[in-house]
Amino acid sequence: MSLQVNVIMLGVKDVERAKAFYVDGLGCGVDQDYPGFVRVSLGEGSSMVALYEWEAAAQDAGVRAEGSGFRGVSLHHITDSRDAVDEVMRAAEAAGGTVVKAAAAAQWGGYFGYFSDPDGYLWKVTTAD
């Protein structure tokens, strides 16, 4: 058996706000759209992102919905240029995201920055080298 990640589910406080961020702000395509649940496409060859109401997502998993702070998870988008990193960072901020760490050269020779979506999920945007 080969394990694959087909969909990354994010529990969000406001599905419509999250949908606007990912679709209108970052250009993702809508794959499914239901009350309380939206699944967006990140592009060919990539996993999809499901946006599910926070409380409903916790209930679905049988866990408590309370919790805050860093969850030890970040989503990564790897590009081939510094300009592409800067473009994604600008788009995320314009769409209502927060720049957590401005894009800058890294010690290892690459270039990267972090933003968070409106629900606080971290995205690292980086060059491959």
Protein backbone atom coordinates (compact mmCIF):
# COMPACT_ATOMS: atom_id res chain seq x y z
CA MET A 1 0.00 0.00 0.00
CA SER A 2 1.21 3.51 -0.82
CA LEU A 3 -0.20 6.26 1.40
CA GLN A 4 -1.07 9.56 -0.30
CA VAL A 5 -2.50 12.83 0.94
CA ASN A 6 -5.45 13.59 -1.33
CA VAL A 7 -7.18 16.22 0.79
CA ILE A 8 -5.97 18.42 3.63
CA MET A 9 -8.91 19.40 5.84
CA LEU A 10 -8.79 22.69 7.73
CA GLY A 11 -11.28 23.38 10.49
CA VAL A 12 -12.29 27.02 10.06
CA LYS A 13 -14.43 29.46 12.04
CA ASP A 14 -16.17 30.92 8.98
CA VAL A 15 -16.37 28.76 5.85
CA GLU A 16 -17.43 31.62 3.56
CA ARG A 17 -14.53 33.82 4.74
CA ALA A 18 -12.08 30.94 4.24
CA LYS A 19 -13.56 30.23 0.81
CA ALA A 20 -13.12 33.87 -0.22
CA PHE A 21 -9.49 33.81 0.95
CA TYR A 22 -8.55 30.67 -0.94
CA VAL A 23 -10.71 31.15 -4.05
CA ASP A 24 -10.89 34.91 -4.61
CA GLY A 25 -7.60 35.79 -2.95
CA LEU A 26 -5.29 32.93 -3.93
CA GLY A 27 -7.02 31.73 -7.09
CA CYS A 28 -7.94 28.19 -6.02
CA GLY A 29 -10.74 26.47 -7.91
CA VAL A 30 -13.89 25.25 -6.16
CA ASP A 31 -14.30 21.47 -6.38
CA GLN A 32 -17.26 21.08 -3.98
CA ASP A 33 -19.38 23.72 -2.27
CA TYR A 34 -21.93 22.82 0.40
CA PRO A 35 -23.24 24.66 3.45
CA GLY A 36 -20.50 24.35 6.07
CA PHE A 37 -18.03 22.66 3.70
CA VAL A 38 -16.02 23.72 0.66
CA ARG A 39 -13.26 21.79 -1.10
CA VAL A 40 -10.82 23.73 -3.26
CA SER A 41 -8.28 22.60 -5.81
CA LEU A 42 -4.70 23.81 -5.47
CA GLY A 43 -3.90 22.81 -9.04
CA GLU A 44 -3.01 19.72 -11.03
CA GLY A 45 -0.84 17.23 -9.18
CA SER A 46 -1.54 18.78 -5.77
CA SER A 47 -3.70 17.76 -2.85
CA MET A 48 -7.02 19.53 -2.36
CA VAL A 49 -7.92 21.62 0.68
CA ALA A 50 -11.25 21.05 2.43
CA LEU A 51 -12.63 23.92 4.52
CA TYR A 52 -14.96 22.54 7.18
CA GLU A 53 -16.68 24.29 10.08
CA TRP A 54 -14.41 24.02 13.13
CA GLU A 55 -17.02 22.58 15.49
CA ALA A 56 -18.33 20.14 12.90
CA ALA A 57 -14.81 18.97 12.06
CA ALA A 58 -14.08 18.28 15.74
CA GLN A 59 -17.39 16.47 16.15
CA ASP A 60 -16.70 14.39 13.04
CA ALA A 61 -13.39 13.26 14.53
CA GLY A 62 -14.87 12.73 17.99
CA VAL A 63 -12.56 15.26 19.69
CA ARG A 64 -13.01 18.50 21.62
CA ALA A 65 -13.08 21.68 19.53
CA GLU A 66 -11.15 23.80 22.05
CA GLY A 67 -7.53 24.54 21.32
CA SER A 68 -5.32 27.37 20.17
CA GLY A 69 -1.77 28.26 19.30
CA PHE A 70 0.71 26.54 17.04
CA ARG A 71 -0.48 23.07 16.06
CA GLY A 72 2.86 21.85 14.70
CA VAL A 73 1.63 21.91 11.11
CA SER A 74 2.35 24.21 8.20
CA LEU A 75 1.48 23.95 4.53
CA HIS A 76 4.30 24.59 2.06
CA HIS A 77 4.28 26.02 -1.45
CA ILE A 78 7.60 25.62 -3.28
CA THR A 79 8.27 27.93 -6.22
CA ASP A 80 11.12 28.34 -8.67
CA SER A 81 11.82 32.04 -8.10
CA ARG A 82 12.00 34.80 -5.51
CA ASP A 83 9.51 36.80 -7.57
CA ALA A 84 6.99 33.95 -7.29
CA VAL A 85 7.47 33.84 -3.50
CA ASP A 86 6.87 37.60 -3.29
CA GLU A 87 3.80 37.34 -5.55
CA VAL A 88 2.16 34.66 -3.37
CA MET A 89 2.96 36.58 -0.19
CA ARG A 90 1.39 39.77 -1.62
CA ALA A 91 -1.70 37.87 -2.81
CA ALA A 92 -2.18 36.24 0.60
CA GLU A 93 -1.91 39.56 2.42
CA ALA A 94 -4.25 41.32 -0.02
CA ALA A 95 -6.79 38.52 0.49
CA GLY A 96 -6.84 39.01 4.26
CA GLY A 97 -3.98 36.76 5.33
CA THR A 98 -1.26 37.89 7.70
CA VAL A 99 2.42 37.99 6.87
CA VAL A 100 3.99 36.13 9.79
CA LYS A 101 7.57 36.26 8.53
CA ALA A 102 8.45 38.52 5.60
CA ALA A 103 10.15 36.80 2.67
CA ALA A 104 13.93 36.98 2.89
CA ALA A 105 17.08 35.14 1.89
CA ALA A 106 17.79 32.04 3.97
CA GLN A 107 21.10 30.80 5.35
CA TRP A 108 20.79 27.69 3.20
CA GLY A 109 20.64 29.78 0.03
CA GLY A 110 16.92 29.79 -0.63
CA TYR A 111 14.31 32.48 -0.15
CA PHE A 112 11.15 32.09 1.92
CA GLY A 113 8.42 33.71 3.99
CA TYR A 114 5.41 32.65 6.05
CA PHE A 115 1.82 33.85 6.01
CA SER A 116 -1.24 32.68 7.87
CA ASP A 117 -4.73 32.38 6.47
CA PRO A 118 -7.62 34.08 8.33
CA ASP A 119 -7.92 31.08 10.68
CA GLY A 120 -4.22 31.08 11.57
CA TYR A 121 -3.03 28.16 9.42
CA LEU A 122 0.58 28.73 8.48
CA TRP A 123 1.84 28.61 4.91
CA LYS A 124 5.54 28.66 4.04
CA VAL A 125 6.29 29.97 0.56
CA THR A 126 9.81 29.10 -0.53
CA THR A 127 12.14 28.60 -3.43
CA ALA A 128 13.36 25.07 -4.07
CA ASP A 129 16.99 26.03 -3.39
